[in-house]
Amino acid sequence: MTVRPIRTFGDPSLRGVAEPVTDFGRELRALVKSLQATMQAGAGRAGLAAPQIGVPLRVVAYQFDGRSGVLVNPRLELSERKVVADEACLSAPGQWWPLERSFAVTARGRDAFGKPVTVRAIGVLARVLQHECDHLDGVLFIDHLPAEDRAAFLSAIPS
């Protein structure tokens, strides 16, 4: 398992739309192991998307409150109930901002072997899954912030 560097805000790989996974072979399983190792290498890391380590594929890993796993080619069904909570991103270290997200999600995708997976989550894990799936579409949590918060975020990021 290889721990990989996490791409930070401003890296163009964070803004691309990730490609669907079509080959569920050895290379995908190695990527999944790297995602998990990189996520577990630091305290407080609840999720990580492949684009955050420079791999433009639709793969996310998560770990929170005793639940962990991987979703390949995930699709989310969002609840109508919304909640606001502080959110951070490994690609923007030290930045926490209040953000509205759906309270619950049902995530459907595949595991590293291509088997169908369904994950139902509420609260923080639901937020993690939404955040990581955003990365697959080149969306960062800053994109959900109101203009004044976005400006404050940008002024706090080292250039």
C-alpha atoms as a PDB file:
ATOM      1  CA  MET A   1       0.000   0.000   0.000  1.00  0.00           C
ATOM      2  CA  THR A   2       1.401   3.324  -1.059  1.00  0.00           C
ATOM      3  CA  VAL A   3       0.583   6.533   0.773  1.00  0.00           C
ATOM      4  CA  ARG A   4       0.326   9.227  -1.866  1.00  0.00           C
ATOM      5  CA  PRO A   5       0.555  13.008  -1.543  1.00  0.00           C
ATOM      6  CA  ILE A   6      -2.788  14.778  -1.478  1.00  0.00           C
ATOM      7  CA  ARG A   7      -3.257  17.411  -4.158  1.00  0.00           C
ATOM      8  CA  THR A   8      -4.064  20.829  -2.715  1.00  0.00           C
ATOM      9  CA  PHE A   9      -6.261  23.687  -3.763  1.00  0.00           C
ATOM     10  CA  GLY A  10      -5.100  25.176  -7.063  1.00  0.00           C
ATOM     11  CA  ASP A  11      -3.947  21.847  -8.519  1.00  0.00           C
ATOM     12  CA  PRO A  12      -5.771  21.397 -11.862  1.00  0.00           C
ATOM     13  CA  SER A  13      -6.391  17.691 -11.174  1.00  0.00           C
ATOM     14  CA  LEU A  14      -8.983  18.750  -8.581  1.00  0.00           C
ATOM     15  CA  ARG A  15     -11.095  20.509 -11.216  1.00  0.00           C
ATOM     16  CA  GLY A  16     -11.391  17.761 -13.827  1.00  0.00           C
ATOM     17  CA  VAL A  17     -14.320  15.414 -14.202  1.00  0.00           C
ATOM     18  CA  ALA A  18     -13.182  11.896 -13.314  1.00  0.00           C
ATOM     19  CA  GLU A  19     -13.669   9.052 -15.780  1.00  0.00           C
ATOM     20  CA  PRO A  20     -15.868   6.053 -14.982  1.00  0.00           C
ATOM     21  CA  VAL A  21     -14.029   2.879 -14.028  1.00  0.00           C
ATOM     22  CA  THR A  22     -14.431   0.152 -16.642  1.00  0.00           C
ATOM     23  CA  ASP A  23     -11.679  -2.284 -15.588  1.00  0.00           C
ATOM     24  CA  PHE A  24     -12.118  -3.890 -12.164  1.00  0.00           C
ATOM     25  CA  GLY A  25      -8.712  -5.548 -12.199  1.00  0.00           C
ATOM     26  CA  ARG A  26      -5.476  -5.439 -10.280  1.00  0.00           C
ATOM     27  CA  GLU A  27      -4.744  -1.752 -11.021  1.00  0.00           C
ATOM     28  CA  LEU A  28      -8.064  -0.663  -9.517  1.00  0.00           C
ATOM     29  CA  ARG A  29      -7.465  -2.720  -6.390  1.00  0.00           C
ATOM     30  CA  ALA A  30      -3.993  -1.152  -6.040  1.00  0.00           C
ATOM     31  CA  LEU A  31      -5.580   2.307  -6.365  1.00  0.00           C
ATOM     32  CA  VAL A  32      -8.148   1.419  -3.691  1.00  0.00           C
ATOM     33  CA  LYS A  33      -5.383   0.267  -1.337  1.00  0.00           C
ATOM     34  CA  SER A  34      -3.487   3.527  -1.941  1.00  0.00           C
ATOM     35  CA  LEU A  35      -6.629   5.585  -1.270  1.00  0.00           C
ATOM     36  CA  GLN A  36      -7.250   3.720   1.971  1.00  0.00           C
ATOM     37  CA  ALA A  37      -3.617   3.947   3.093  1.00  0.00           C
ATOM     38  CA  THR A  38      -3.472   7.669   2.300  1.00  0.00           C
ATOM     39  CA  MET A  39      -6.751   8.308   4.106  1.00  0.00           C
ATOM     40  CA  GLN A  40      -5.626   6.337   7.171  1.00  0.00           C
ATOM     41  CA  ALA A  41      -2.213   8.034   7.274  1.00  0.00           C
ATOM     42  CA  GLY A  42      -3.586  11.152   8.956  1.00  0.00           C
ATOM     43  CA  ALA A  43      -5.860  11.786  11.914  1.00  0.00           C
ATOM     44  CA  GLY A  44      -9.376  12.961  11.176  1.00  0.00           C
ATOM     45  CA  ARG A  45      -9.439  11.815   7.568  1.00  0.00           C
ATOM     46  CA  ALA A  46     -12.964  10.587   6.845  1.00  0.00           C
ATOM     47  CA  GLY A  47     -12.889  10.342   3.063  1.00  0.00           C
ATOM     48  CA  LEU A  48     -10.718  10.644  -0.007  1.00  0.00           C
ATOM     49  CA  ALA A  49     -11.443  10.726  -3.737  1.00  0.00           C
ATOM     50  CA  ALA A  50      -9.065   9.443  -6.409  1.00  0.00           C
ATOM     51  CA  PRO A  51      -8.648  12.915  -8.028  1.00  0.00           C
ATOM     52  CA  GLN A  52      -7.221  14.134  -4.709  1.00  0.00           C
ATOM     53  CA  ILE A  53      -4.219  11.868  -5.286  1.00  0.00           C
ATOM     54  CA  GLY A  54      -4.027  12.784  -8.962  1.00  0.00           C
ATOM     55  CA  VAL A  55      -5.951   9.831 -10.410  1.00  0.00           C
ATOM     56  CA  PRO A  56      -8.888  10.928 -12.618  1.00  0.00           C
ATOM     57  CA  LEU A  57     -11.137   7.941 -11.888  1.00  0.00           C
ATOM     58  CA  ARG A  58     -14.550   7.766 -10.170  1.00  0.00           C
ATOM     59  CA  VAL A  59     -13.422   6.113  -6.933  1.00  0.00           C
ATOM     60  CA  VAL A  60     -13.906   7.241  -3.327  1.00  0.00           C
ATOM     61  CA  ALA A  61     -12.903   5.738   0.000  1.00  0.00           C
ATOM     62  CA  TYR A  62     -14.518   6.556   3.342  1.00  0.00           C
ATOM     63  CA  GLN A  63     -14.120   5.767   7.031  1.00  0.00           C
ATOM     64  CA  PHE A  64     -16.218   7.211   9.799  1.00  0.00           C
ATOM     65  CA  ASP A  65     -17.707   6.006  13.052  1.00  0.00           C
ATOM     66  CA  GLY A  66     -16.775   2.376  12.492  1.00  0.00           C
ATOM     67  CA  ARG A  67     -17.950   2.274   8.880  1.00  0.00           C
ATOM     68  CA  SER A  68     -15.487   2.150   6.021  1.00  0.00           C
ATOM     69  CA  GLY A  69     -15.433   1.167   2.410  1.00  0.00           C
ATOM     70  CA  VAL A  70     -14.965   2.141  -1.171  1.00  0.00           C
ATOM     71  CA  LEU A  71     -17.388   3.213  -3.864  1.00  0.00           C
ATOM     72  CA  VAL A  72     -16.507   2.896  -7.530  1.00  0.00           C
ATOM     73  CA  ASN A  73     -18.651   4.863 -10.000  1.00  0.00           C
ATOM     74  CA  PRO A  74     -20.910   6.114  -7.181  1.00  0.00           C
ATOM     75  CA  ARG A  75     -24.332   7.676  -7.660  1.00  0.00           C
ATOM     76  CA  LEU A  76     -26.029   9.526  -4.827  1.00  0.00           C
ATOM     77  CA  GLU A  77     -29.679   9.852  -3.927  1.00  0.00           C
ATOM     78  CA  LEU A  78     -30.018  12.852  -1.600  1.00  0.00           C
ATOM     79  CA  SER A  79     -32.642  13.440   1.056  1.00  0.00           C
ATOM     80  CA  GLU A  80     -34.674  16.621   0.936  1.00  0.00           C
ATOM     81  CA  ARG A  81     -33.773  17.429   4.543  1.00  0.00           C
ATOM     82  CA  LYS A  82     -30.780  19.777   4.669  1.00  0.00           C
ATOM     83  CA  VAL A  83     -28.440  20.593   7.531  1.00  0.00           C
ATOM     84  CA  VAL A  84     -25.638  23.101   7.973  1.00  0.00           C
ATOM     85  CA  ALA A  85     -22.398  21.945   9.590  1.00  0.00           C
ATOM     86  CA  ASP A  86     -18.722  22.810   9.446  1.00  0.00           C
ATOM     87  CA  GLU A  87     -16.874  21.057   6.651  1.00  0.00           C
ATOM     88  CA  ALA A  88     -13.221  20.755   5.709  1.00  0.00           C
ATOM     89  CA  CYS A  89     -11.196  19.267   2.881  1.00  0.00           C
ATOM     90  CA  LEU A  90      -7.849  17.492   2.830  1.00  0.00           C
ATOM     91  CA  SER A  91      -7.041  19.520  -0.290  1.00  0.00           C
ATOM     92  CA  ALA A  92      -7.450  22.768   1.690  1.00  0.00           C
ATOM     93  CA  PRO A  93      -5.788  21.980   5.038  1.00  0.00           C
ATOM     94  CA  GLY A  94      -6.886  23.983   8.044  1.00  0.00           C
ATOM     95  CA  GLN A  95      -9.982  25.455   6.413  1.00  0.00           C
ATOM     96  CA  TRP A  96     -13.379  24.791   8.039  1.00  0.00           C
ATOM     97  CA  TRP A  97     -16.547  26.419   6.758  1.00  0.00           C
ATOM     98  CA  PRO A  98     -20.266  26.001   7.478  1.00  0.00           C
ATOM     99  CA  LEU A  99     -21.943  24.336   4.532  1.00  0.00           C
ATOM    100  CA  GLU A 100     -25.442  23.073   3.778  1.00  0.00           C
ATOM    101  CA  ARG A 101     -25.732  19.444   2.653  1.00  0.00           C
ATOM    102  CA  SER A 102     -28.415  16.769   2.583  1.00  0.00           C
ATOM    103  CA  PHE A 103     -28.820  15.036   5.955  1.00  0.00           C
ATOM    104  CA  ALA A 104     -29.104  11.555   4.438  1.00  0.00           C
ATOM    105  CA  VAL A 105     -27.888   9.816   1.290  1.00  0.00           C
ATOM    106  CA  THR A 106     -28.145   6.497  -0.410  1.00  0.00           C
ATOM    107  CA  ALA A 107     -24.971   5.829  -2.377  1.00  0.00           C
ATOM    108  CA  ARG A 108     -24.917   3.125  -5.014  1.00  0.00           C
ATOM    109  CA  GLY A 109     -21.814   1.967  -6.817  1.00  0.00           C
ATOM    110  CA  ARG A 110     -19.457  -0.988  -6.999  1.00  0.00           C
ATOM    111  CA  ASP A 111     -16.664  -2.344  -4.861  1.00  0.00           C
ATOM    112  CA  ALA A 112     -13.090  -2.937  -6.055  1.00  0.00           C
ATOM    113  CA  PHE A 113     -14.150  -6.262  -7.593  1.00  0.00           C
ATOM    114  CA  GLY A 114     -17.161  -4.850  -9.441  1.00  0.00           C
ATOM    115  CA  LYS A 115     -19.820  -6.153  -7.043  1.00  0.00           C
ATOM    116  CA  PRO A 116     -22.799  -3.793  -6.481  1.00  0.00           C
ATOM    117  CA  VAL A 117     -22.672  -1.838  -3.214  1.00  0.00           C
ATOM    118  CA  THR A 118     -25.312   0.299  -1.519  1.00  0.00           C
ATOM    119  CA  VAL A 119     -24.424   2.562   1.405  1.00  0.00           C
ATOM    120  CA  ARG A 120     -27.134   4.357   3.370  1.00  0.00           C
ATOM    121  CA  ALA A 121     -25.806   7.128   5.561  1.00  0.00           C
ATOM    122  CA  ILE A 122     -27.003   9.978   7.733  1.00  0.00           C
ATOM    123  CA  GLY A 123     -25.255  12.890   9.392  1.00  0.00           C
ATOM    124  CA  VAL A 124     -21.499  13.160   9.061  1.00  0.00           C
ATOM    125  CA  LEU A 125     -21.044  10.075   6.893  1.00  0.00           C
ATOM    126  CA  ALA A 126     -23.698  11.394   4.492  1.00  0.00           C
ATOM    127  CA  ARG A 127     -21.744  14.668   4.348  1.00  0.00           C
ATOM    128  CA  VAL A 128     -18.480  12.793   3.693  1.00  0.00           C
ATOM    129  CA  LEU A 129     -19.993  10.853   0.798  1.00  0.00           C
ATOM    130  CA  GLN A 130     -21.431  14.017  -0.770  1.00  0.00           C
ATOM    131  CA  HIS A 131     -18.119  15.833  -0.365  1.00  0.00           C
ATOM    132  CA  GLU A 132     -16.066  13.016  -1.913  1.00  0.00           C
ATOM    133  CA  CYS A 133     -18.494  12.486  -4.799  1.00  0.00           C
ATOM    134  CA  ASP A 134     -18.281  16.220  -5.550  1.00  0.00           C
ATOM    135  CA  HIS A 135     -14.534  15.719  -6.100  1.00  0.00           C
ATOM    136  CA  LEU A 136     -15.345  13.257  -8.890  1.00  0.00           C
ATOM    137  CA  ASP A 137     -17.056  16.079 -10.795  1.00  0.00           C
ATOM    138  CA  GLY A 138     -14.324  18.661 -10.179  1.00  0.00           C
ATOM    139  CA  VAL A 139     -16.426  20.396  -7.525  1.00  0.00           C
ATOM    140  CA  LEU A 140     -14.764  21.635  -4.336  1.00  0.00           C
ATOM    141  CA  PHE A 141     -16.612  22.561  -1.172  1.00  0.00           C
ATOM    142  CA  ILE A 142     -15.651  26.190  -1.791  1.00  0.00           C
ATOM    143  CA  ASP A 143     -18.010  26.082  -4.797  1.00  0.00           C
ATOM    144  CA  HIS A 144     -20.954  25.655  -2.397  1.00  0.00           C
ATOM    145  CA  LEU A 145     -19.984  28.644  -0.219  1.00  0.00           C
ATOM    146  CA  PRO A 146     -21.674  32.038  -0.430  1.00  0.00           C
ATOM    147  CA  ALA A 147     -19.595  34.657  -2.256  1.00  0.00           C
ATOM    148  CA  GLU A 148     -18.347  36.386   0.907  1.00  0.00           C
ATOM    149  CA  ASP A 149     -17.202  33.103   2.467  1.00  0.00           C
ATOM    150  CA  ARG A 150     -15.577  32.063  -0.806  1.00  0.00           C
ATOM    151  CA  ALA A 151     -13.626  35.353  -0.846  1.00  0.00           C
ATOM    152  CA  ALA A 152     -12.515  34.800   2.777  1.00  0.00           C
ATOM    153  CA  PHE A 153     -11.467  31.241   1.924  1.00  0.00           C
ATOM    154  CA  LEU A 154      -9.395  32.421  -1.043  1.00  0.00           C
ATOM    155  CA  SER A 155      -7.680  35.090   1.037  1.00  0.00           C
ATOM    156  CA  ALA A 156      -6.766  32.464   3.671  1.00  0.00           C
ATOM    157  CA  ILE A 157      -5.136  30.067   1.187  1.00  0.00           C
ATOM    158  CA  PRO A 158      -1.370  30.571   0.813  1.00  0.00           C
ATOM    159  CA  SER A 159      -0.399  31.507  -2.738  1.00  0.00           C
END
